[in-house]
All heavy atoms as atom14 arrays in JSON, in Angstrom:
{
  "sequence": "GIPVATVAIDGAANAAILAAQMIAVNDSDLYETLAAERKENAEKILE",
  "atom14_mask": [
    [1, 1, 1, 1, 0, 0, 0, 0, 0, 0, 0, 0, 0, 0],
    [1, 1, 1, 1, 1, 1, 1, 1, 0, 0, 0, 0, 0, 0],
    [1, 1, 1, 1, 1, 1, 1, 0, 0, 0, 0, 0, 0, 0],
    [1, 1, 1, 1, 1, 1, 1, 0, 0, 0, 0, 0, 0, 0],
    [1, 1, 1, 1, 1, 0, 0, 0, 0, 0, 0, 0, 0, 0],
    [1, 1, 1, 1, 1, 1, 1, 0, 0, 0, 0, 0, 0, 0],
    [1, 1, 1, 1, 1, 1, 1, 0, 0, 0, 0, 0, 0, 0],
    [1, 1, 1, 1, 1, 0, 0, 0, 0, 0, 0, 0, 0, 0],
    [1, 1, 1, 1, 1, 1, 1, 1, 0, 0, 0, 0, 0, 0],
    [1, 1, 1, 1, 1, 1, 1, 1, 0, 0, 0, 0, 0, 0],
    [1, 1, 1, 1, 0, 0, 0, 0, 0, 0, 0, 0, 0, 0],
    [1, 1, 1, 1, 1, 0, 0, 0, 0, 0, 0, 0, 0, 0],
    [1, 1, 1, 1, 1, 0, 0, 0, 0, 0, 0, 0, 0, 0],
    [1, 1, 1, 1, 1, 1, 1, 1, 0, 0, 0, 0, 0, 0],
    [1, 1, 1, 1, 1, 0, 0, 0, 0, 0, 0, 0, 0, 0],
    [1, 1, 1, 1, 1, 0, 0, 0, 0, 0, 0, 0, 0, 0],
    [1, 1, 1, 1, 1, 1, 1, 1, 0, 0, 0, 0, 0, 0],
    [1, 1, 1, 1, 1, 1, 1, 1, 0, 0, 0, 0, 0, 0],
    [1, 1, 1, 1, 1, 0, 0, 0, 0, 0, 0, 0, 0, 0],
    [1, 1, 1, 1, 1, 0, 0, 0, 0, 0, 0, 0, 0, 0],
    [1, 1, 1, 1, 1, 1, 1, 1, 1, 0, 0, 0, 0, 0],
    [1, 1, 1, 1, 1, 1, 1, 1, 0, 0, 0, 0, 0, 0],
    [1, 1, 1, 1, 1, 1, 1, 1, 0, 0, 0, 0, 0, 0],
    [1, 1, 1, 1, 1, 0, 0, 0, 0, 0, 0, 0, 0, 0],
    [1, 1, 1, 1, 1, 1, 1, 0, 0, 0, 0, 0, 0, 0],
    [1, 1, 1, 1, 1, 1, 1, 1, 0, 0, 0, 0, 0, 0],
    [1, 1, 1, 1, 1, 1, 1, 1, 0, 0, 0, 0, 0, 0],
    [1, 1, 1, 1, 1, 1, 0, 0, 0, 0, 0, 0, 0, 0],
    [1, 1, 1, 1, 1, 1, 1, 1, 0, 0, 0, 0, 0, 0],
    [1, 1, 1, 1, 1, 1, 1, 1, 0, 0, 0, 0, 0, 0],
    [1, 1, 1, 1, 1, 1, 1, 1, 1, 1, 1, 1, 0, 0],
    [1, 1, 1, 1, 1, 1, 1, 1, 1, 0, 0, 0, 0, 0],
    [1, 1, 1, 1, 1, 1, 1, 0, 0, 0, 0, 0, 0, 0],
    [1, 1, 1, 1, 1, 1, 1, 1, 0, 0, 0, 0, 0, 0],
    [1, 1, 1, 1, 1, 0, 0, 0, 0, 0, 0, 0, 0, 0],
    [1, 1, 1, 1, 1, 0, 0, 0, 0, 0, 0, 0, 0, 0],
    [1, 1, 1, 1, 1, 1, 1, 1, 1, 0, 0, 0, 0, 0],
    [1, 1, 1, 1, 1, 1, 1, 1, 1, 1, 1, 0, 0, 0],
    [1, 1, 1, 1, 1, 1, 1, 1, 1, 0, 0, 0, 0, 0],
    [1, 1, 1, 1, 1, 1, 1, 1, 1, 0, 0, 0, 0, 0],
    [1, 1, 1, 1, 1, 1, 1, 1, 0, 0, 0, 0, 0, 0],
    [1, 1, 1, 1, 1, 0, 0, 0, 0, 0, 0, 0, 0, 0],
    [1, 1, 1, 1, 1, 1, 1, 1, 1, 0, 0, 0, 0, 0],
    [1, 1, 1, 1, 1, 1, 1, 1, 1, 0, 0, 0, 0, 0],
    [1, 1, 1, 1, 1, 1, 1, 1, 0, 0, 0, 0, 0, 0],
    [1, 1, 1, 1, 1, 1, 1, 1, 0, 0, 0, 0, 0, 0],
    [1, 1, 1, 1, 1, 1, 1, 1, 1, 0, 0, 0, 0, 0]
  ],
  "atom14_positions": [
    [[0.78, -1.27, 0.01], [-0.02, -0.08, 0.04], [0.83, 1.31, 0.02], [0.24, 2.35, -0.25], [0.0, 0.0, 0.0], [0.0, 0.0, 0.0], [0.0, 0.0, 0.0], [0.0, 0.0, 0.0], [0.0, 0.0, 0.0], [0.0, 0.0, 0.0], [0.0, 0.0, 0.0], [0.0, 0.0, 0.0], [0.0, 0.0, 0.0], [0.0, 0.0, 0.0]],
    [[2.14, 1.17, 0.22], [2.96, 2.37, 0.32], [4.2, 2.09, -0.59], [5.31, 1.73, -0.1], [3.54, 2.76, 1.75], [2.28, 2.87, 2.72], [4.26, 4.07, 1.61], [1.28, 3.98, 2.36], [0.0, 0.0, 0.0], [0.0, 0.0, 0.0], [0.0, 0.0, 0.0], [0.0, 0.0, 0.0], [0.0, 0.0, 0.0], [0.0, 0.0, 0.0]],
    [[3.96, 1.99, -1.93], [5.16, 1.69, -2.81], [6.22, 2.79, -2.94], [5.89, 3.96, -2.8], [4.46, 1.44, -4.15], [3.27, 2.34, -4.08], [2.75, 2.38, -2.59], [0.0, 0.0, 0.0], [0.0, 0.0, 0.0], [0.0, 0.0, 0.0], [0.0, 0.0, 0.0], [0.0, 0.0, 0.0], [0.0, 0.0, 0.0], [0.0, 0.0, 0.0]],
    [[7.4, 2.36, -3.08], [8.54, 3.2, -3.4], [9.31, 2.5, -4.57], [9.78, 1.39, -4.36], [9.47, 3.42, -2.22], [10.76, 4.18, -2.68], [8.79, 4.21, -1.15], [0.0, 0.0, 0.0], [0.0, 0.0, 0.0], [0.0, 0.0, 0.0], [0.0, 0.0, 0.0], [0.0, 0.0, 0.0], [0.0, 0.0, 0.0], [0.0, 0.0, 0.0]],
    [[9.4, 3.22, -5.71], [10.26, 2.64, -6.76], [11.6, 2.79, -6.31], [12.0, 3.86, -5.83], [9.92, 3.37, -8.07], [0.0, 0.0, 0.0], [0.0, 0.0, 0.0], [0.0, 0.0, 0.0], [0.0, 0.0, 0.0], [0.0, 0.0, 0.0], [0.0, 0.0, 0.0], [0.0, 0.0, 0.0], [0.0, 0.0, 0.0], [0.0, 0.0, 0.0]],
    [[12.43, 1.75, -6.47], [13.7, 1.83, -5.95], [14.76, 1.54, -7.1], [14.6, 0.54, -7.87], [13.96, 0.85, -4.81], [13.0, 1.15, -3.85], [15.36, 0.98, -4.13], [0.0, 0.0, 0.0], [0.0, 0.0, 0.0], [0.0, 0.0, 0.0], [0.0, 0.0, 0.0], [0.0, 0.0, 0.0], [0.0, 0.0, 0.0], [0.0, 0.0, 0.0]],
    [[15.81, 2.31, -7.28], [16.87, 2.14, -8.19], [18.06, 1.53, -7.47], [18.07, 1.43, -6.25], [17.24, 3.44, -8.93], [15.95, 3.84, -9.77], [17.66, 4.52, -8.01], [0.0, 0.0, 0.0], [0.0, 0.0, 0.0], [0.0, 0.0, 0.0], [0.0, 0.0, 0.0], [0.0, 0.0, 0.0], [0.0, 0.0, 0.0], [0.0, 0.0, 0.0]],
    [[19.07, 1.37, -8.27], [20.31, 0.78, -7.72], [21.06, 1.71, -6.71], [20.77, 2.85, -6.6], [21.35, 0.45, -8.84], [0.0, 0.0, 0.0], [0.0, 0.0, 0.0], [0.0, 0.0, 0.0], [0.0, 0.0, 0.0], [0.0, 0.0, 0.0], [0.0, 0.0, 0.0], [0.0, 0.0, 0.0], [0.0, 0.0, 0.0], [0.0, 0.0, 0.0]],
    [[21.85, 1.11, -5.92], [22.66, 1.91, -4.89], [23.43, 3.04, -5.71], [24.09, 2.69, -6.72], [23.65, 0.9, -4.11], [22.85, -0.03, -3.33], [24.64, 1.79, -3.21], [23.71, -1.16, -2.64], [0.0, 0.0, 0.0], [0.0, 0.0, 0.0], [0.0, 0.0, 0.0], [0.0, 0.0, 0.0], [0.0, 0.0, 0.0], [0.0, 0.0, 0.0]],
    [[23.34, 4.21, -5.28], [23.88, 5.38, -5.88], [23.36, 5.62, -7.36], [23.98, 6.29, -8.08], [25.48, 5.26, -5.88], [26.06, 5.46, -4.49], [25.3, 5.73, -3.62], [27.23, 5.13, -4.33], [0.0, 0.0, 0.0], [0.0, 0.0, 0.0], [0.0, 0.0, 0.0], [0.0, 0.0, 0.0], [0.0, 0.0, 0.0], [0.0, 0.0, 0.0]],
    [[22.14, 5.09, -7.56], [21.6, 5.19, -8.92], [20.8, 6.37, -9.28], [19.57, 6.3, -9.78], [0.0, 0.0, 0.0], [0.0, 0.0, 0.0], [0.0, 0.0, 0.0], [0.0, 0.0, 0.0], [0.0, 0.0, 0.0], [0.0, 0.0, 0.0], [0.0, 0.0, 0.0], [0.0, 0.0, 0.0], [0.0, 0.0, 0.0], [0.0, 0.0, 0.0]],
    [[21.28, 7.55, -8.88], [20.46, 8.74, -9.05], [20.16, 9.16, -10.46], [19.18, 9.72, -10.78], [21.19, 9.99, -8.35], [0.0, 0.0, 0.0], [0.0, 0.0, 0.0], [0.0, 0.0, 0.0], [0.0, 0.0, 0.0], [0.0, 0.0, 0.0], [0.0, 0.0, 0.0], [0.0, 0.0, 0.0], [0.0, 0.0, 0.0], [0.0, 0.0, 0.0]],
    [[21.13, 8.87, -11.35], [20.83, 9.17, -12.88], [19.69, 8.34, -13.35], [18.73, 8.92, -13.98], [22.03, 8.84, -13.67], [0.0, 0.0, 0.0], [0.0, 0.0, 0.0], [0.0, 0.0, 0.0], [0.0, 0.0, 0.0], [0.0, 0.0, 0.0], [0.0, 0.0, 0.0], [0.0, 0.0, 0.0], [0.0, 0.0, 0.0], [0.0, 0.0, 0.0]],
    [[19.53, 7.1, -12.96], [18.37, 6.28, -13.34], [17.03, 6.77, -12.64], [16.0, 6.84, -13.19], [18.54, 4.82, -13.17], [19.0, 4.01, -14.23], [19.21, 4.67, -15.37], [19.39, 2.78, -14.11], [0.0, 0.0, 0.0], [0.0, 0.0, 0.0], [0.0, 0.0, 0.0], [0.0, 0.0, 0.0], [0.0, 0.0, 0.0], [0.0, 0.0, 0.0]],
    [[17.22, 7.33, -11.46], [16.02, 7.87, -10.75], [15.53, 9.03, -11.46], [14.29, 9.21, -11.64], [16.47, 8.27, -9.26], [0.0, 0.0, 0.0], [0.0, 0.0, 0.0], [0.0, 0.0, 0.0], [0.0, 0.0, 0.0], [0.0, 0.0, 0.0], [0.0, 0.0, 0.0], [0.0, 0.0, 0.0], [0.0, 0.0, 0.0], [0.0, 0.0, 0.0]],
    [[16.38, 9.95, -12.01], [15.99, 11.07, -12.77], [15.33, 10.64, -14.03], [14.32, 11.3, -14.47], [17.15, 11.97, -13.06], [0.0, 0.0, 0.0], [0.0, 0.0, 0.0], [0.0, 0.0, 0.0], [0.0, 0.0, 0.0], [0.0, 0.0, 0.0], [0.0, 0.0, 0.0], [0.0, 0.0, 0.0], [0.0, 0.0, 0.0], [0.0, 0.0, 0.0]],
    [[15.87, 9.67, -14.73], [15.27, 9.19, -15.99], [13.96, 8.57, -15.68], [12.92, 8.9, -16.35], [16.2, 8.09, -16.64], [17.46, 8.72, -17.11], [15.51, 7.42, -17.84], [18.57, 7.7, -17.52], [0.0, 0.0, 0.0], [0.0, 0.0, 0.0], [0.0, 0.0, 0.0], [0.0, 0.0, 0.0], [0.0, 0.0, 0.0], [0.0, 0.0, 0.0]],
    [[13.81, 7.82, -14.63], [12.48, 7.21, -14.26], [11.46, 8.38, -13.95], [10.25, 8.31, -14.35], [12.61, 6.28, -13.05], [11.33, 5.6, -12.58], [10.74, 4.79, -13.78], [11.72, 4.64, -11.42], [0.0, 0.0, 0.0], [0.0, 0.0, 0.0], [0.0, 0.0, 0.0], [0.0, 0.0, 0.0], [0.0, 0.0, 0.0], [0.0, 0.0, 0.0]],
    [[11.83, 9.41, -13.17], [10.95, 10.54, -12.84], [10.52, 11.15, -14.21], [9.38, 11.61, -14.4], [11.68, 11.49, -11.96], [0.0, 0.0, 0.0], [0.0, 0.0, 0.0], [0.0, 0.0, 0.0], [0.0, 0.0, 0.0], [0.0, 0.0, 0.0], [0.0, 0.0, 0.0], [0.0, 0.0, 0.0], [0.0, 0.0, 0.0], [0.0, 0.0, 0.0]],
    [[11.5, 11.45, -15.12], [11.22, 12.01, -16.37], [10.23, 11.14, -17.19], [9.21, 11.66, -17.83], [12.46, 12.15, -17.24], [0.0, 0.0, 0.0], [0.0, 0.0, 0.0], [0.0, 0.0, 0.0], [0.0, 0.0, 0.0], [0.0, 0.0, 0.0], [0.0, 0.0, 0.0], [0.0, 0.0, 0.0], [0.0, 0.0, 0.0], [0.0, 0.0, 0.0]],
    [[10.34, 9.83, -17.16], [9.37, 8.94, -17.83], [7.97, 9.12, -17.19], [6.99, 9.01, -17.93], [9.81, 7.5, -17.8], [10.99, 7.17, -18.58], [11.66, 5.84, -18.47], [11.55, 5.24, -17.38], [12.23, 5.33, -19.48], [0.0, 0.0, 0.0], [0.0, 0.0, 0.0], [0.0, 0.0, 0.0], [0.0, 0.0, 0.0], [0.0, 0.0, 0.0]],
    [[7.95, 9.23, -15.9], [6.62, 9.4, -15.16], [6.0, 10.72, -15.68], [4.77, 10.76, -15.97], [6.85, 9.37, -13.7], [7.24, 8.05, -13.17], [7.74, 8.15, -11.48], [8.03, 6.43, -11.01], [0.0, 0.0, 0.0], [0.0, 0.0, 0.0], [0.0, 0.0, 0.0], [0.0, 0.0, 0.0], [0.0, 0.0, 0.0], [0.0, 0.0, 0.0]],
    [[6.74, 11.84, -15.76], [6.15, 13.06, -16.15], [5.85, 13.01, -17.65], [4.83, 13.66, -18.02], [7.18, 14.15, -15.79], [7.29, 14.39, -14.22], [6.81, 15.53, -16.48], [8.44, 15.3, -13.82], [0.0, 0.0, 0.0], [0.0, 0.0, 0.0], [0.0, 0.0, 0.0], [0.0, 0.0, 0.0], [0.0, 0.0, 0.0], [0.0, 0.0, 0.0]],
    [[6.56, 12.25, -18.42], [6.39, 12.19, -19.9], [5.05, 11.46, -20.19], [4.6, 11.67, -21.35], [7.61, 11.55, -20.54], [0.0, 0.0, 0.0], [0.0, 0.0, 0.0], [0.0, 0.0, 0.0], [0.0, 0.0, 0.0], [0.0, 0.0, 0.0], [0.0, 0.0, 0.0], [0.0, 0.0, 0.0], [0.0, 0.0, 0.0], [0.0, 0.0, 0.0]],
    [[4.46, 10.82, -19.27], [3.09, 10.19, -19.55], [2.21, 11.27, -20.06], [1.25, 11.06, -20.9], [2.62, 9.46, -18.27], [1.14, 9.13, -18.48], [3.44, 8.21, -18.0], [0.0, 0.0, 0.0], [0.0, 0.0, 0.0], [0.0, 0.0, 0.0], [0.0, 0.0, 0.0], [0.0, 0.0, 0.0], [0.0, 0.0, 0.0], [0.0, 0.0, 0.0]],
    [[2.24, 12.46, -19.51], [1.43, 13.56, -19.9], [2.04, 14.73, -20.58], [1.61, 15.88, -20.62], [0.7, 14.09, -18.69], [-0.28, 13.04, -18.1], [-1.09, 12.49, -18.8], [-0.11, 12.8, -16.79], [0.0, 0.0, 0.0], [0.0, 0.0, 0.0], [0.0, 0.0, 0.0], [0.0, 0.0, 0.0], [0.0, 0.0, 0.0], [0.0, 0.0, 0.0]],
    [[3.35, 14.5, -21.14], [4.05, 15.56, -21.78], [4.67, 14.91, -22.98], [5.82, 14.27, -22.97], [5.14, 16.05, -20.75], [5.85, 17.29, -21.31], [6.24, 17.3, -22.52], [6.16, 18.18, -20.56], [0.0, 0.0, 0.0], [0.0, 0.0, 0.0], [0.0, 0.0, 0.0], [0.0, 0.0, 0.0], [0.0, 0.0, 0.0], [0.0, 0.0, 0.0]],
    [[4.08, 15.18, -24.17], [4.5, 14.5, -25.39], [5.93, 15.09, -25.8], [6.7, 14.29, -26.39], [3.5, 14.78, -26.53], [3.29, 16.08, -26.78], [0.0, 0.0, 0.0], [0.0, 0.0, 0.0], [0.0, 0.0, 0.0], [0.0, 0.0, 0.0], [0.0, 0.0, 0.0], [0.0, 0.0, 0.0], [0.0, 0.0, 0.0], [0.0, 0.0, 0.0]],
    [[6.23, 16.26, -25.6], [7.62, 16.8, -25.89], [8.7, 16.01, -25.21], [9.77, 15.64, -25.63], [7.7, 18.28, -25.74], [6.84, 19.06, -26.75], [6.63, 18.55, -27.78], [6.52, 20.28, -26.34], [0.0, 0.0, 0.0], [0.0, 0.0, 0.0], [0.0, 0.0, 0.0], [0.0, 0.0, 0.0], [0.0, 0.0, 0.0], [0.0, 0.0, 0.0]],
    [[8.47, 15.95, -23.81], [9.45, 15.16, -23.03], [9.53, 13.71, -23.43], [10.6, 13.14, -23.51], [9.02, 15.29, -21.58], [9.94, 14.62, -20.48], [11.39, 15.0, -20.72], [9.4, 14.83, -19.2], [0.0, 0.0, 0.0], [0.0, 0.0, 0.0], [0.0, 0.0, 0.0], [0.0, 0.0, 0.0], [0.0, 0.0, 0.0], [0.0, 0.0, 0.0]],
    [[8.33, 13.18, -23.81], [8.3, 11.78, -24.25], [9.23, 11.61, -25.44], [10.07, 10.7, -25.52], [6.94, 11.29, -24.59], [6.82, 9.91, -24.96], [6.5, 8.98, -24.0], [6.94, 9.49, -26.29], [6.37, 7.55, -24.36], [6.81, 8.1, -26.61], [6.55, 7.17, -25.62], [6.41, 5.91, -25.94], [0.0, 0.0, 0.0], [0.0, 0.0, 0.0]],
    [[9.11, 12.57, -26.4], [9.92, 12.48, -27.6], [11.36, 12.68, -27.32], [12.27, 12.02, -27.94], [9.38, 13.54, -28.64], [8.05, 13.25, -29.21], [7.99, 11.78, -29.87], [9.0, 11.4, -30.59], [7.0, 11.13, -29.7], [0.0, 0.0, 0.0], [0.0, 0.0, 0.0], [0.0, 0.0, 0.0], [0.0, 0.0, 0.0], [0.0, 0.0, 0.0]],
    [[11.69, 13.55, -26.33], [13.1, 13.79, -25.99], [13.74, 12.42, -25.42], [14.79, 12.0, -25.77], [13.22, 14.84, -24.94], [12.87, 16.04, -25.48], [14.68, 14.93, -24.44], [0.0, 0.0, 0.0], [0.0, 0.0, 0.0], [0.0, 0.0, 0.0], [0.0, 0.0, 0.0], [0.0, 0.0, 0.0], [0.0, 0.0, 0.0], [0.0, 0.0, 0.0]],
    [[12.9, 11.79, -24.58], [13.46, 10.5, -24.0], [13.51, 9.41, -25.13], [14.4, 8.62, -24.99], [12.48, 10.06, -22.9], [12.43, 11.01, -21.68], [11.26, 10.51, -20.72], [13.78, 10.98, -20.92], [0.0, 0.0, 0.0], [0.0, 0.0, 0.0], [0.0, 0.0, 0.0], [0.0, 0.0, 0.0], [0.0, 0.0, 0.0], [0.0, 0.0, 0.0]],
    [[12.57, 9.36, -25.96], [12.63, 8.37, -27.06], [13.87, 8.63, -27.94], [14.57, 7.65, -28.31], [11.31, 8.44, -27.91], [0.0, 0.0, 0.0], [0.0, 0.0, 0.0], [0.0, 0.0, 0.0], [0.0, 0.0, 0.0], [0.0, 0.0, 0.0], [0.0, 0.0, 0.0], [0.0, 0.0, 0.0], [0.0, 0.0, 0.0], [0.0, 0.0, 0.0]],
    [[14.14, 9.83, -28.25], [15.38, 10.21, -29.05], [16.67, 9.77, -28.33], [17.53, 9.26, -28.9], [15.39, 11.66, -29.4], [0.0, 0.0, 0.0], [0.0, 0.0, 0.0], [0.0, 0.0, 0.0], [0.0, 0.0, 0.0], [0.0, 0.0, 0.0], [0.0, 0.0, 0.0], [0.0, 0.0, 0.0], [0.0, 0.0, 0.0], [0.0, 0.0, 0.0]],
    [[16.67, 10.03, -27.03], [17.84, 9.65, -26.2], [18.05, 8.1, -26.18], [19.17, 7.56, -26.38], [17.7, 10.06, -24.78], [18.98, 9.75, -24.0], [18.84, 10.25, -22.51], [17.99, 9.8, -21.79], [19.63, 11.11, -22.17], [0.0, 0.0, 0.0], [0.0, 0.0, 0.0], [0.0, 0.0, 0.0], [0.0, 0.0, 0.0], [0.0, 0.0, 0.0]],
    [[16.86, 7.44, -26.0], [16.97, 5.96, -26.01], [17.48, 5.4, -27.47], [18.37, 4.54, -27.46], [15.6, 5.37, -25.72], [15.46, 3.86, -25.75], [15.66, 3.13, -24.53], [15.07, 3.64, -23.26], [14.07, 3.1, -22.62], [13.5, 2.04, -23.18], [13.69, 3.54, -21.47], [0.0, 0.0, 0.0], [0.0, 0.0, 0.0], [0.0, 0.0, 0.0]],
    [[16.98, 6.02, -28.56], [17.45, 5.59, -29.87], [18.96, 5.92, -29.98], [19.7, 5.04, -30.57], [16.7, 6.31, -30.87], [16.95, 5.88, -32.29], [16.18, 6.64, -33.28], [16.55, 6.23, -34.73], [15.87, 6.99, -35.78], [0.0, 0.0, 0.0], [0.0, 0.0, 0.0], [0.0, 0.0, 0.0], [0.0, 0.0, 0.0], [0.0, 0.0, 0.0]],
    [[19.4, 7.07, -29.57], [20.78, 7.4, -29.64], [21.7, 6.5, -28.89], [22.69, 6.07, -29.36], [20.97, 8.94, -29.16], [22.35, 9.41, -29.17], [22.53, 10.71, -28.62], [21.65, 11.59, -28.88], [23.45, 10.98, -27.81], [0.0, 0.0, 0.0], [0.0, 0.0, 0.0], [0.0, 0.0, 0.0], [0.0, 0.0, 0.0], [0.0, 0.0, 0.0]],
    [[21.24, 6.12, -27.69], [22.07, 5.11, -26.94], [22.09, 3.8, -27.58], [23.21, 3.23, -27.55], [21.52, 4.95, -25.49], [21.63, 6.23, -24.64], [22.44, 7.04, -24.89], [20.75, 6.32, -23.62], [0.0, 0.0, 0.0], [0.0, 0.0, 0.0], [0.0, 0.0, 0.0], [0.0, 0.0, 0.0], [0.0, 0.0, 0.0], [0.0, 0.0, 0.0]],
    [[21.01, 3.35, -28.26], [21.07, 2.1, -28.95], [22.01, 2.09, -30.15], [22.86, 1.21, -30.4], [19.61, 1.76, -29.41], [0.0, 0.0, 0.0], [0.0, 0.0, 0.0], [0.0, 0.0, 0.0], [0.0, 0.0, 0.0], [0.0, 0.0, 0.0], [0.0, 0.0, 0.0], [0.0, 0.0, 0.0], [0.0, 0.0, 0.0], [0.0, 0.0, 0.0]],
    [[21.96, 3.32, -30.92], [22.89, 3.5, -32.0], [24.34, 3.46, -31.55], [25.22, 2.91, -32.32], [22.55, 4.76, -32.72], [21.17, 4.64, -33.46], [20.72, 6.0, -34.0], [21.37, 7.04, -33.68], [19.69, 5.96, -34.64], [0.0, 0.0, 0.0], [0.0, 0.0, 0.0], [0.0, 0.0, 0.0], [0.0, 0.0, 0.0], [0.0, 0.0, 0.0]],
    [[24.67, 3.98, -30.45], [26.08, 3.93, -29.91], [26.55, 2.54, -29.64], [27.7, 2.2, -30.03], [26.14, 4.8, -28.67], [26.11, 6.3, -28.92], [26.11, 7.0, -27.54], [26.01, 8.55, -27.73], [25.93, 9.23, -26.43], [0.0, 0.0, 0.0], [0.0, 0.0, 0.0], [0.0, 0.0, 0.0], [0.0, 0.0, 0.0], [0.0, 0.0, 0.0]],
    [[25.62, 1.74, -29.0], [26.0, 0.29, -28.72], [26.15, -0.5, -30.1], [27.1, -1.22, -30.22], [24.92, -0.34, -27.89], [24.86, 0.36, -26.57], [25.16, -1.91, -27.74], [26.18, 0.24, -25.77], [0.0, 0.0, 0.0], [0.0, 0.0, 0.0], [0.0, 0.0, 0.0], [0.0, 0.0, 0.0], [0.0, 0.0, 0.0], [0.0, 0.0, 0.0]],
    [[25.28, -0.22, -31.03], [25.35, -1.01, -32.29], [26.61, -0.54, -33.08], [27.23, -1.42, -33.71], [24.07, -0.74, -33.13], [22.81, -1.36, -32.49], [21.6, -0.99, -33.41], [22.99, -2.82, -32.35], [0.0, 0.0, 0.0], [0.0, 0.0, 0.0], [0.0, 0.0, 0.0], [0.0, 0.0, 0.0], [0.0, 0.0, 0.0], [0.0, 0.0, 0.0]],
    [[27.04, 0.7, -32.96], [28.22, 1.13, -33.64], [29.45, 0.48, -32.98], [30.45, -0.01, -33.7], [28.38, 2.7, -33.56], [29.73, 3.2, -34.18], [29.85, 2.85, -35.65], [28.98, 2.58, -36.33], [31.03, 2.73, -36.05], [0.0, 0.0, 0.0], [0.0, 0.0, 0.0], [0.0, 0.0, 0.0], [0.0, 0.0, 0.0], [0.0, 0.0, 0.0]]
  ]
}
């Protein structure tokens, strides 16, 4: 009844990304920013 989403020890960067994803549910511009970042990260790994 009292949930807390928990990230890794010292995982503040992921906490910020998760918070951004939560806000992006109702913010299409932020959603597109996050989608572009995810695509860019995938492209870096594939390269």
